[in-house]
Protein backbone atom coordinates (compact mmCIF):
# COMPACT_ATOMS: atom_id res chain seq x y z
CA MET A 1 112.85 91.66 32.71
CA GLU A 2 111.83 88.44 30.95
CA ASP A 3 111.05 86.82 34.32
CA ASP A 4 108.76 89.74 35.16
CA ALA A 5 106.89 89.25 31.90
CA LYS A 6 106.51 85.52 32.53
CA LEU A 7 105.29 86.18 36.07
CA THR A 8 102.80 88.79 34.83
CA ALA A 9 101.53 86.41 32.16
CA GLN A 10 101.15 83.63 34.73
CA ILE A 11 99.25 85.96 37.08
CA HIS A 12 96.85 86.87 34.26
CA ARG A 13 96.33 83.22 33.34
CA THR A 14 95.64 82.36 36.98
CA ARG A 15 93.15 85.22 37.32
CA ALA A 16 91.47 84.21 34.06
CA ALA A 17 91.08 80.66 35.38
CA ALA A 18 89.55 82.02 38.59
CA HIS A 19 87.06 84.06 36.54
CA ARG A 20 86.15 80.98 34.50
CA MET A 21 85.55 79.05 37.72
CA VAL A 22 83.29 81.78 39.11
CA ALA A 23 81.44 81.93 35.79
CA SER A 24 80.84 78.18 35.88
CA VAL A 25 79.48 78.46 39.44
CA HIS A 26 77.04 81.11 38.20
CA ASP A 27 76.04 78.86 35.29
CA VAL A 28 75.28 76.04 37.71
CA SER A 29 73.26 78.40 39.92
CA ALA A 30 71.23 79.58 36.92
CA ALA A 31 70.57 75.98 35.86
CA ALA A 32 69.43 75.12 39.39
CA ALA A 33 67.03 78.07 39.42
CA ASP A 34 65.57 76.96 36.07
CA MET A 35 65.26 73.40 37.33
CA ALA A 36 63.47 74.53 40.50
CA ALA A 37 60.86 76.39 38.46
CA SER A 38 60.40 73.38 36.18
CA MET A 39 60.08 70.99 39.12
CA LYS A 40 57.45 73.23 40.75
CA ARG A 41 55.46 73.27 37.52
CA PHE A 42 55.76 69.47 37.28
CA VAL A 43 54.57 68.98 40.86
CA ASP A 44 51.64 71.36 40.32
CA LEU A 45 50.58 69.47 37.19
CA GLN A 46 51.00 66.11 38.89
CA THR A 47 48.94 67.23 41.90
CA ALA A 48 46.16 68.52 39.64
CA ALA A 49 46.14 65.22 37.73
CA GLU A 50 45.95 63.23 40.97
CA ILE A 51 43.07 65.36 42.22
CA ARG A 52 41.18 64.80 38.95
CA GLU A 53 41.89 61.07 39.10
CA VAL A 54 40.66 60.75 42.68
CA ALA A 55 37.55 62.83 41.93
CA THR A 56 36.57 60.68 38.93
CA HIS A 57 37.52 57.25 40.30
CA PRO A 58 34.28 55.20 40.51
CA ASP A 59 35.15 53.40 43.75
CA LEU A 60 36.10 56.62 45.47
CA ALA A 61 32.97 58.35 44.18
CA GLU A 62 30.85 55.58 45.72
CA LEU A 63 32.77 55.85 48.98
CA ASN A 64 32.20 59.61 49.00
CA LEU A 65 28.46 59.06 48.54
CA ARG A 66 28.37 56.56 51.40
CA LEU A 67 30.33 58.86 53.69
CA ASP A 68 28.13 61.81 52.75
CA GLY A 69 25.08 59.71 53.56
CA PHE A 70 26.53 58.70 56.94
CA TYR A 71 28.10 62.00 57.99
CA GLY A 72 26.01 64.41 55.93
CA GLU A 73 27.21 66.72 53.19
CA ALA A 74 30.77 67.89 53.53
CA ALA A 75 31.18 71.51 54.51
CA GLU A 76 32.65 73.57 51.71
């Protein structure tokens, strides 16, 4: 009888450990999803900043004027 109780207790502890492992996998998955959204926002902001920087850079603005003069206005 006592051996049955010990076995039952061990089975419950093992199952509890398995549930904790699955829960930690779900926690990692949730963190990865949050990180993906944050990384996308970062890349979008970085791309917008680079576009602004290129558009306002004096040397590139002069190059754009020269190319527009040679090739004509860019089609929009």
